[in-house]
Amino acid sequence: MTLTHLLILALIQGITEFLPISSSGHLILLPNLTGYEDQGQVIDVAVHVGTLGAVVMYFWRDVKVALAGTLELLTGRTSSAPARLALNLAIATVPVIVAGLALKITGWDEAMRSTAVIGWTMLVFGVVLYWADRTGGETRRAEDWSLKHAWIMGLWQALALIPGTSRSGITITAARQLGYERHDAARIAMLMSIPTILAAGLVTGAGVVGDMDGAAARDAGIAAVLAFLSALASLWVMMRFLNAVSFTPYVIYRVILGVVLLWIAYT
């Protein structure tokens, strides 16, 4: 792959993975609309590894707490704050893993990779995000995250398997609808992304690592580094300005893109 192609892919993944505008939808649209060859699973795994590194670094304090909580869970302790955080993240990840396996087995995951599907999900879930952000209260903080809310947000997260939905967007939508204030809604959504991206990377990566040659490994390394840098910058910008700016700019972008994609798909 050319360096330009790798750069475009990495920037798309890095910038859109954590903004509520769907990274998978944009990655699918790139070959659909530009004529670029499909990047393949090796590059998909690489850019996801890059974004995983970015979110772990940005939320390293929370990650350390979750890791400590995981060790406590393994020893049977569940009452501490770290253990509750680790348990909540595990519970929130179950629905997306189950739904992802079901889509993979049935082949529906490939059937949904169309411009029309992405257009509709961009539009519909953009409006849903606007509704939740406008009507959801701001009475809850990240410390209030309960097992019940983790399960509910996990069910919403499973919808992100439909291209164009946006994993971060749908989990932020769920958190805002449950009454979490904007910054903490995004913080929870980002932490939920870690086990989800890790699980998806392990499942996909297991089938492609053995097939990589030297050129593919080089391309994957470049893509991972570029995705890491762009994702870290994207996270910093979004989290820094969330207290001053609502999610409305992202909604406007989603609605405009959705309308354009539907026009392309149906004409």
C-alpha atoms as a PDB file:
ATOM      1  CA  MET A   1       0.000   0.000   0.000  1.00  0.00           C
ATOM      2  CA  THR A   2       1.162   3.541  -0.645  1.00  0.00           C
ATOM      3  CA  LEU A   3       2.098   5.829   2.223  1.00  0.00           C
ATOM      4  CA  THR A   4      -0.712   8.199   1.209  1.00  0.00           C
ATOM      5  CA  HIS A   5      -3.288   5.418   1.463  1.00  0.00           C
ATOM      6  CA  LEU A   6      -1.950   4.329   4.862  1.00  0.00           C
ATOM      7  CA  LEU A   7      -1.972   7.927   6.084  1.00  0.00           C
ATOM      8  CA  ILE A   8      -5.593   8.439   5.011  1.00  0.00           C
ATOM      9  CA  LEU A   9      -6.690   5.186   6.663  1.00  0.00           C
ATOM     10  CA  ALA A  10      -4.836   5.945   9.895  1.00  0.00           C
ATOM     11  CA  LEU A  11      -6.212   9.485  10.091  1.00  0.00           C
ATOM     12  CA  ILE A  12      -9.755   8.286   9.452  1.00  0.00           C
ATOM     13  CA  GLN A  13      -9.496   5.586  12.115  1.00  0.00           C
ATOM     14  CA  GLY A  14      -7.696   7.742  14.636  1.00  0.00           C
ATOM     15  CA  ILE A  15      -9.938  10.770  14.330  1.00  0.00           C
ATOM     16  CA  THR A  16     -13.282   8.968  14.048  1.00  0.00           C
ATOM     17  CA  GLU A  17     -12.798   6.073  16.503  1.00  0.00           C
ATOM     18  CA  PHE A  18     -13.577   8.176  19.566  1.00  0.00           C
ATOM     19  CA  LEU A  19     -15.614  10.981  18.049  1.00  0.00           C
ATOM     20  CA  PRO A  20     -19.302   9.998  17.797  1.00  0.00           C
ATOM     21  CA  ILE A  21     -19.230   9.794  13.990  1.00  0.00           C
ATOM     22  CA  SER A  22     -18.296   6.121  13.326  1.00  0.00           C
ATOM     23  CA  SER A  23     -14.828   4.944  12.359  1.00  0.00           C
ATOM     24  CA  SER A  24     -16.051   1.705  10.760  1.00  0.00           C
ATOM     25  CA  GLY A  25     -18.512   3.610   8.592  1.00  0.00           C
ATOM     26  CA  HIS A  26     -15.806   5.943   7.299  1.00  0.00           C
ATOM     27  CA  LEU A  27     -13.373   3.074   6.679  1.00  0.00           C
ATOM     28  CA  ILE A  28     -15.997   1.239   4.626  1.00  0.00           C
ATOM     29  CA  LEU A  29     -16.870   4.396   2.701  1.00  0.00           C
ATOM     30  CA  LEU A  30     -13.270   5.010   1.668  1.00  0.00           C
ATOM     31  CA  PRO A  31     -13.098   2.160  -0.897  1.00  0.00           C
ATOM     32  CA  ASN A  32     -16.811   2.460  -1.696  1.00  0.00           C
ATOM     33  CA  LEU A  33     -16.581   6.110  -2.729  1.00  0.00           C
ATOM     34  CA  THR A  34     -12.984   6.648  -3.823  1.00  0.00           C
ATOM     35  CA  GLY A  35     -12.009   3.519  -5.693  1.00  0.00           C
ATOM     36  CA  TYR A  36      -9.186   2.742  -3.256  1.00  0.00           C
ATOM     37  CA  GLU A  37      -8.663  -0.961  -2.737  1.00  0.00           C
ATOM     38  CA  ASP A  38     -10.086  -2.392   0.489  1.00  0.00           C
ATOM     39  CA  GLN A  39      -7.365  -2.168   3.117  1.00  0.00           C
ATOM     40  CA  GLY A  40      -7.919  -5.711   4.371  1.00  0.00           C
ATOM     41  CA  GLN A  41      -7.996  -7.145   7.871  1.00  0.00           C
ATOM     42  CA  VAL A  42      -4.270  -6.705   8.591  1.00  0.00           C
ATOM     43  CA  ILE A  43      -4.522  -2.911   8.338  1.00  0.00           C
ATOM     44  CA  ASP A  44      -7.876  -2.940  10.140  1.00  0.00           C
ATOM     45  CA  VAL A  45      -6.245  -4.694  13.098  1.00  0.00           C
ATOM     46  CA  ALA A  46      -3.232  -2.362  12.978  1.00  0.00           C
ATOM     47  CA  VAL A  47      -5.211   0.870  13.131  1.00  0.00           C
ATOM     48  CA  HIS A  48      -7.352  -0.524  15.936  1.00  0.00           C
ATOM     49  CA  VAL A  49      -4.209  -1.423  17.887  1.00  0.00           C
ATOM     50  CA  GLY A  50      -3.066   2.166  17.404  1.00  0.00           C
ATOM     51  CA  THR A  51      -6.312   3.641  18.707  1.00  0.00           C
ATOM     52  CA  LEU A  52      -6.339   1.164  21.591  1.00  0.00           C
ATOM     53  CA  GLY A  53      -2.911   2.424  22.631  1.00  0.00           C
ATOM     54  CA  ALA A  54      -4.162   6.007  22.483  1.00  0.00           C
ATOM     55  CA  VAL A  55      -7.190   5.492  24.728  1.00  0.00           C
ATOM     56  CA  VAL A  56      -5.156   3.439  27.222  1.00  0.00           C
ATOM     57  CA  MET A  57      -2.546   6.208  27.430  1.00  0.00           C
ATOM     58  CA  TYR A  58      -5.095   9.022  27.723  1.00  0.00           C
ATOM     59  CA  PHE A  59      -7.113   7.279  30.453  1.00  0.00           C
ATOM     60  CA  TRP A  60      -4.146   5.552  32.088  1.00  0.00           C
ATOM     61  CA  ARG A  61      -5.262   6.452  35.620  1.00  0.00           C
ATOM     62  CA  ASP A  62      -8.641   4.808  35.083  1.00  0.00           C
ATOM     63  CA  VAL A  63      -6.991   1.869  33.326  1.00  0.00           C
ATOM     64  CA  LYS A  64      -4.715   1.268  36.323  1.00  0.00           C
ATOM     65  CA  VAL A  65      -7.764   1.303  38.602  1.00  0.00           C
ATOM     66  CA  ALA A  66      -9.568  -1.201  36.364  1.00  0.00           C
ATOM     67  CA  LEU A  67      -6.506  -3.484  36.249  1.00  0.00           C
ATOM     68  CA  ALA A  68      -6.246  -3.400  40.035  1.00  0.00           C
ATOM     69  CA  GLY A  69      -9.958  -4.151  40.215  1.00  0.00           C
ATOM     70  CA  THR A  70      -9.533  -7.111  37.881  1.00  0.00           C
ATOM     71  CA  LEU A  71      -6.954  -8.612  40.240  1.00  0.00           C
ATOM     72  CA  GLU A  72      -9.352  -8.087  43.139  1.00  0.00           C
ATOM     73  CA  LEU A  73     -12.149  -9.826  41.241  1.00  0.00           C
ATOM     74  CA  LEU A  74      -9.885 -12.806  40.623  1.00  0.00           C
ATOM     75  CA  THR A  75      -9.391 -13.116  44.387  1.00  0.00           C
ATOM     76  CA  GLY A  76     -13.122 -12.913  45.067  1.00  0.00           C
ATOM     77  CA  ARG A  77     -13.296  -9.299  46.240  1.00  0.00           C
ATOM     78  CA  THR A  78     -16.083  -7.286  44.608  1.00  0.00           C
ATOM     79  CA  SER A  79     -16.918  -4.456  47.001  1.00  0.00           C
ATOM     80  CA  SER A  80     -14.148  -1.952  46.252  1.00  0.00           C
ATOM     81  CA  ALA A  81     -14.420   0.835  43.675  1.00  0.00           C
ATOM     82  CA  PRO A  82     -11.707  -0.692  41.428  1.00  0.00           C
ATOM     83  CA  ALA A  83     -13.429  -4.091  41.473  1.00  0.00           C
ATOM     84  CA  ARG A  84     -16.782  -2.521  40.611  1.00  0.00           C
ATOM     85  CA  LEU A  85     -15.231  -0.644  37.687  1.00  0.00           C
ATOM     86  CA  ALA A  86     -13.608  -3.818  36.347  1.00  0.00           C
ATOM     87  CA  LEU A  87     -16.854  -5.772  36.763  1.00  0.00           C
ATOM     88  CA  ASN A  88     -18.887  -3.049  35.056  1.00  0.00           C
ATOM     89  CA  LEU A  89     -16.516  -3.017  32.076  1.00  0.00           C
ATOM     90  CA  ALA A  90     -16.740  -6.800  31.790  1.00  0.00           C
ATOM     91  CA  ILE A  91     -20.552  -6.755  31.950  1.00  0.00           C
ATOM     92  CA  ALA A  92     -20.758  -3.934  29.384  1.00  0.00           C
ATOM     93  CA  THR A  93     -18.608  -5.903  26.930  1.00  0.00           C
ATOM     94  CA  VAL A  94     -20.674  -9.114  26.941  1.00  0.00           C
ATOM     95  CA  PRO A  95     -23.513  -7.970  24.608  1.00  0.00           C
ATOM     96  CA  VAL A  96     -21.203  -6.715  21.845  1.00  0.00           C
ATOM     97  CA  ILE A  97     -19.140  -9.923  21.918  1.00  0.00           C
ATOM     98  CA  VAL A  98     -22.237 -12.131  21.702  1.00  0.00           C
ATOM     99  CA  ALA A  99     -23.826  -9.995  18.977  1.00  0.00           C
ATOM    100  CA  GLY A 100     -20.542  -9.794  17.059  1.00  0.00           C
ATOM    101  CA  LEU A 101     -20.132 -13.568  17.021  1.00  0.00           C
ATOM    102  CA  ALA A 102     -23.748 -13.984  15.890  1.00  0.00           C
ATOM    103  CA  LEU A 103     -23.269 -11.558  12.998  1.00  0.00           C
ATOM    104  CA  LYS A 104     -20.024 -13.269  12.020  1.00  0.00           C
ATOM    105  CA  ILE A 105     -21.593 -16.728  11.977  1.00  0.00           C
ATOM    106  CA  THR A 106     -24.642 -15.612   9.975  1.00  0.00           C
ATOM    107  CA  GLY A 107     -22.639 -13.476   7.556  1.00  0.00           C
ATOM    108  CA  TRP A 108     -24.753 -10.411   8.257  1.00  0.00           C
ATOM    109  CA  ASP A 109     -21.639  -8.409   9.155  1.00  0.00           C
ATOM    110  CA  GLU A 110     -20.619  -8.353   5.485  1.00  0.00           C
ATOM    111  CA  ALA A 111     -24.178  -7.783   4.264  1.00  0.00           C
ATOM    112  CA  MET A 112     -24.403  -4.486   6.179  1.00  0.00           C
ATOM    113  CA  ARG A 113     -21.264  -2.930   4.646  1.00  0.00           C
ATOM    114  CA  SER A 114     -23.159  -0.716   2.198  1.00  0.00           C
ATOM    115  CA  THR A 115     -23.393   3.012   1.576  1.00  0.00           C
ATOM    116  CA  ALA A 116     -27.154   2.957   2.138  1.00  0.00           C
ATOM    117  CA  VAL A 117     -26.870   1.287   5.551  1.00  0.00           C
ATOM    118  CA  ILE A 118     -24.204   3.766   6.653  1.00  0.00           C
ATOM    119  CA  GLY A 119     -26.300   6.660   5.401  1.00  0.00           C
ATOM    120  CA  TRP A 120     -29.328   5.582   7.430  1.00  0.00           C
ATOM    121  CA  THR A 121     -27.352   4.857  10.608  1.00  0.00           C
ATOM    122  CA  MET A 122     -25.477   8.150  10.351  1.00  0.00           C
ATOM    123  CA  LEU A 123     -28.756  10.019  10.074  1.00  0.00           C
ATOM    124  CA  VAL A 124     -30.915   8.093  12.560  1.00  0.00           C
ATOM    125  CA  PHE A 125     -28.374   7.657  15.342  1.00  0.00           C
ATOM    126  CA  GLY A 126     -27.214  11.237  14.905  1.00  0.00           C
ATOM    127  CA  VAL A 127     -30.748  12.394  15.681  1.00  0.00           C
ATOM    128  CA  VAL A 128     -30.936   9.961  18.626  1.00  0.00           C
ATOM    129  CA  LEU A 129     -27.677  11.385  20.015  1.00  0.00           C
ATOM    130  CA  TYR A 130     -29.093  14.913  19.731  1.00  0.00           C
ATOM    131  CA  TRP A 131     -32.279  13.839  21.543  1.00  0.00           C
ATOM    132  CA  ALA A 132     -30.377  12.140  24.367  1.00  0.00           C
ATOM    133  CA  ASP A 133     -27.956  15.039  24.772  1.00  0.00           C
ATOM    134  CA  ARG A 134     -30.787  17.563  24.919  1.00  0.00           C
ATOM    135  CA  THR A 135     -33.174  15.625  27.161  1.00  0.00           C
ATOM    136  CA  GLY A 136     -30.790  13.630  29.350  1.00  0.00           C
ATOM    137  CA  GLY A 137     -30.128  15.033  32.787  1.00  0.00           C
ATOM    138  CA  GLU A 138     -26.700  15.734  34.245  1.00  0.00           C
ATOM    139  CA  THR A 139     -27.244  14.331  37.724  1.00  0.00           C
ATOM    140  CA  ARG A 140     -24.910  11.328  37.528  1.00  0.00           C
ATOM    141  CA  ARG A 141     -21.116  11.097  37.524  1.00  0.00           C
ATOM    142  CA  ALA A 142     -18.786   8.294  36.497  1.00  0.00           C
ATOM    143  CA  GLU A 143     -18.592   7.189  40.140  1.00  0.00           C
ATOM    144  CA  ASP A 144     -22.337   6.412  39.985  1.00  0.00           C
ATOM    145  CA  TRP A 145     -21.893   3.841  37.195  1.00  0.00           C
ATOM    146  CA  SER A 146     -23.768   0.724  38.302  1.00  0.00           C
ATOM    147  CA  LEU A 147     -24.023  -2.855  37.049  1.00  0.00           C
ATOM    148  CA  LYS A 148     -27.514  -2.114  35.722  1.00  0.00           C
ATOM    149  CA  HIS A 149     -26.302   0.895  33.759  1.00  0.00           C
ATOM    150  CA  ALA A 150     -23.254  -1.042  32.516  1.00  0.00           C
ATOM    151  CA  TRP A 151     -25.576  -3.716  31.116  1.00  0.00           C
ATOM    152  CA  ILE A 152     -27.876  -1.147  29.508  1.00  0.00           C
ATOM    153  CA  MET A 153     -24.949   0.678  27.920  1.00  0.00           C
ATOM    154  CA  GLY A 154     -23.540  -2.655  26.788  1.00  0.00           C
ATOM    155  CA  LEU A 155     -26.780  -3.431  24.953  1.00  0.00           C
ATOM    156  CA  TRP A 156     -26.642  -0.043  23.254  1.00  0.00           C
ATOM    157  CA  GLN A 157     -22.985  -0.651  22.377  1.00  0.00           C
ATOM    158  CA  ALA A 158     -23.953  -3.816  20.488  1.00  0.00           C
ATOM    159  CA  LEU A 159     -25.838  -1.601  18.015  1.00  0.00           C
ATOM    160  CA  ALA A 160     -22.450  -0.194  16.953  1.00  0.00           C
ATOM    161  CA  LEU A 161     -21.852  -3.417  15.031  1.00  0.00           C
ATOM    162  CA  ILE A 162     -24.095  -1.877  12.386  1.00  0.00           C
ATOM    163  CA  PRO A 163     -21.685   0.212  10.265  1.00  0.00           C
ATOM    164  CA  GLY A 164     -22.189   3.952  10.655  1.00  0.00           C
ATOM    165  CA  THR A 165     -23.709   3.749  14.133  1.00  0.00           C
ATOM    166  CA  SER A 166     -20.497   4.708  15.995  1.00  0.00           C
ATOM    167  CA  ARG A 167     -19.449   2.777  19.079  1.00  0.00           C
ATOM    168  CA  SER A 168     -18.519   5.909  20.997  1.00  0.00           C
ATOM    169  CA  GLY A 169     -21.600   7.733  19.749  1.00  0.00           C
ATOM    170  CA  ILE A 170     -24.092   5.070  20.798  1.00  0.00           C
ATOM    171  CA  THR A 171     -22.529   4.539  24.232  1.00  0.00           C
ATOM    172  CA  ILE A 172     -22.415   8.291  24.850  1.00  0.00           C
ATOM    173  CA  THR A 173     -26.050   8.423  23.762  1.00  0.00           C
ATOM    174  CA  ALA A 174     -26.927   5.724  26.293  1.00  0.00           C
ATOM    175  CA  ALA A 175     -25.000   7.452  29.073  1.00  0.00           C
ATOM    176  CA  ARG A 176     -26.609  10.826  28.383  1.00  0.00           C
ATOM    177  CA  GLN A 177     -30.045   9.209  28.287  1.00  0.00           C
ATOM    178  CA  LEU A 178     -29.286   7.680  31.700  1.00  0.00           C
ATOM    179  CA  GLY A 179     -28.430  11.123  33.089  1.00  0.00           C
ATOM    180  CA  TYR A 180     -24.625  11.174  33.106  1.00  0.00           C
ATOM    181  CA  GLU A 181     -23.080  14.574  32.529  1.00  0.00           C
ATOM    182  CA  ARG A 182     -21.312  15.028  29.195  1.00  0.00           C
ATOM    183  CA  HIS A 183     -17.692  14.688  30.266  1.00  0.00           C
ATOM    184  CA  ASP A 184     -18.332  11.586  32.366  1.00  0.00           C
ATOM    185  CA  ALA A 185     -20.592  10.081  29.695  1.00  0.00           C
ATOM    186  CA  ALA A 186     -17.680  10.327  27.256  1.00  0.00           C
ATOM    187  CA  ARG A 187     -15.225   9.040  29.859  1.00  0.00           C
ATOM    188  CA  ILE A 188     -17.289   5.902  30.501  1.00  0.00           C
ATOM    189  CA  ALA A 189     -17.792   5.371  26.770  1.00  0.00           C
ATOM    190  CA  MET A 190     -14.044   5.602  26.146  1.00  0.00           C
ATOM    191  CA  LEU A 191     -13.251   3.130  28.937  1.00  0.00           C
ATOM    192  CA  MET A 192     -15.834   0.744  27.484  1.00  0.00           C
ATOM    193  CA  SER A 193     -13.970   0.895  24.186  1.00  0.00           C
ATOM    194  CA  ILE A 194     -10.836  -0.703  25.655  1.00  0.00           C
ATOM    195  CA  PRO A 195     -12.108  -4.272  26.245  1.00  0.00           C
ATOM    196  CA  THR A 196     -14.264  -4.031  23.121  1.00  0.00           C
ATOM    197  CA  ILE A 197     -11.397  -3.030  20.812  1.00  0.00           C
ATOM    198  CA  LEU A 198      -9.125  -5.558  22.522  1.00  0.00           C
ATOM    199  CA  ALA A 199     -11.606  -8.404  22.023  1.00  0.00           C
ATOM    200  CA  ALA A 200     -12.235  -7.489  18.380  1.00  0.00           C
ATOM    201  CA  GLY A 201      -8.505  -7.181  17.730  1.00  0.00           C
ATOM    202  CA  LEU A 202      -7.751 -10.570  19.258  1.00  0.00           C
ATOM    203  CA  VAL A 203     -10.480 -12.314  17.269  1.00  0.00           C
ATOM    204  CA  THR A 204      -9.531 -10.702  13.959  1.00  0.00           C
ATOM    205  CA  GLY A 205      -5.799 -10.660  14.579  1.00  0.00           C
ATOM    206  CA  ALA A 206      -5.634 -14.370  15.331  1.00  0.00           C
ATOM    207  CA  GLY A 207      -6.615 -15.108  11.753  1.00  0.00           C
ATOM    208  CA  VAL A 208      -4.268 -12.703   9.974  1.00  0.00           C
ATOM    209  CA  VAL A 209      -0.974 -12.561  11.888  1.00  0.00           C
ATOM    210  CA  GLY A 210       0.279 -15.802  10.359  1.00  0.00           C
ATOM    211  CA  ASP A 211      -0.397 -14.540   6.833  1.00  0.00           C
ATOM    212  CA  MET A 212       1.672 -11.351   7.100  1.00  0.00           C
ATOM    213  CA  ASP A 213       4.819 -10.941   5.056  1.00  0.00           C
ATOM    214  CA  GLY A 214       7.475  -8.280   5.525  1.00  0.00           C
ATOM    215  CA  ALA A 215       5.699  -5.632   3.456  1.00  0.00           C
ATOM    216  CA  ALA A 216       2.391  -6.204   5.242  1.00  0.00           C
ATOM    217  CA  ALA A 217       4.076  -5.996   8.640  1.00  0.00           C
ATOM    218  CA  ARG A 218       5.743  -2.715   7.644  1.00  0.00           C
ATOM    219  CA  ASP A 219       2.443  -1.245   6.441  1.00  0.00           C
ATOM    220  CA  ALA A 220       0.708  -2.408   9.618  1.00  0.00           C
ATOM    221  CA  GLY A 221       3.362  -0.791  11.800  1.00  0.00           C
ATOM    222  CA  ILE A 222       3.121   2.535   9.975  1.00  0.00           C
ATOM    223  CA  ALA A 223      -0.678   2.476  10.128  1.00  0.00           C
ATOM    224  CA  ALA A 224      -0.667   1.663  13.861  1.00  0.00           C
ATOM    225  CA  VAL A 225       1.674   4.534  14.741  1.00  0.00           C
ATOM    226  CA  LEU A 226      -0.215   7.069  12.638  1.00  0.00           C
ATOM    227  CA  ALA A 227      -3.574   5.916  14.050  1.00  0.00           C
ATOM    228  CA  PHE A 228      -2.183   6.176  17.586  1.00  0.00           C
ATOM    229  CA  LEU A 229      -1.053   9.779  17.089  1.00  0.00           C
ATOM    230  CA  SER A 230      -4.244  10.936  15.392  1.00  0.00           C
ATOM    231  CA  ALA A 231      -6.457   9.169  17.957  1.00  0.00           C
ATOM    232  CA  LEU A 232      -4.571  10.726  20.862  1.00  0.00           C
ATOM    233  CA  ALA A 233      -5.002  14.187  19.359  1.00  0.00           C
ATOM    234  CA  SER A 234      -8.683  13.546  18.651  1.00  0.00           C
ATOM    235  CA  LEU A 235      -9.319  12.369  22.225  1.00  0.00           C
ATOM    236  CA  TRP A 236      -7.539  15.389  23.674  1.00  0.00           C
ATOM    237  CA  VAL A 237      -9.592  17.825  21.622  1.00  0.00           C
ATOM    238  CA  MET A 238     -12.963  16.193  22.346  1.00  0.00           C
ATOM    239  CA  MET A 239     -12.452  15.732  26.085  1.00  0.00           C
ATOM    240  CA  ARG A 240     -10.948  19.205  26.522  1.00  0.00           C
ATOM    241  CA  PHE A 241     -13.880  21.015  24.918  1.00  0.00           C
ATOM    242  CA  LEU A 242     -16.796  18.855  26.096  1.00  0.00           C
ATOM    243  CA  ASN A 243     -17.544  21.116  29.046  1.00  0.00           C
ATOM    244  CA  ALA A 244     -17.968  24.088  26.712  1.00  0.00           C
ATOM    245  CA  VAL A 245     -19.349  22.420  23.570  1.00  0.00           C
ATOM    246  CA  SER A 246     -22.235  19.952  23.314  1.00  0.00           C
ATOM    247  CA  PHE A 247     -22.420  17.025  20.897  1.00  0.00           C
ATOM    248  CA  THR A 248     -24.455  19.098  18.433  1.00  0.00           C
ATOM    249  CA  PRO A 249     -21.554  19.757  15.978  1.00  0.00           C
ATOM    250  CA  TYR A 250     -21.106  15.989  15.606  1.00  0.00           C
ATOM    251  CA  VAL A 251     -24.840  15.566  15.107  1.00  0.00           C
ATOM    252  CA  ILE A 252     -24.855  18.177  12.334  1.00  0.00           C
ATOM    253  CA  TYR A 253     -21.960  16.407  10.616  1.00  0.00           C
ATOM    254  CA  ARG A 254     -23.724  13.035  10.895  1.00  0.00           C
ATOM    255  CA  VAL A 255     -26.998  14.343   9.504  1.00  0.00           C
ATOM    256  CA  ILE A 256     -25.352  16.086   6.546  1.00  0.00           C
ATOM    257  CA  LEU A 257     -23.193  13.061   5.733  1.00  0.00           C
ATOM    258  CA  GLY A 258     -26.166  10.729   6.129  1.00  0.00           C
ATOM    259  CA  VAL A 259     -28.280  12.729   3.703  1.00  0.00           C
ATOM    260  CA  VAL A 260     -25.438  12.866   1.170  1.00  0.00           C
ATOM    261  CA  LEU A 261     -24.820   9.123   1.427  1.00  0.00           C
ATOM    262  CA  LEU A 262     -28.512   8.301   1.003  1.00  0.00           C
ATOM    263  CA  TRP A 263     -28.630  10.521  -2.068  1.00  0.00           C
ATOM    264  CA  ILE A 264     -25.604   8.700  -3.490  1.00  0.00           C
ATOM    265  CA  ALA A 265     -26.993   5.284  -2.603  1.00  0.00           C
ATOM    266  CA  TYR A 266     -30.426   5.794  -4.101  1.00  0.00           C
ATOM    267  CA  THR A 267     -29.527   7.795  -7.196  1.00  0.00           C
END
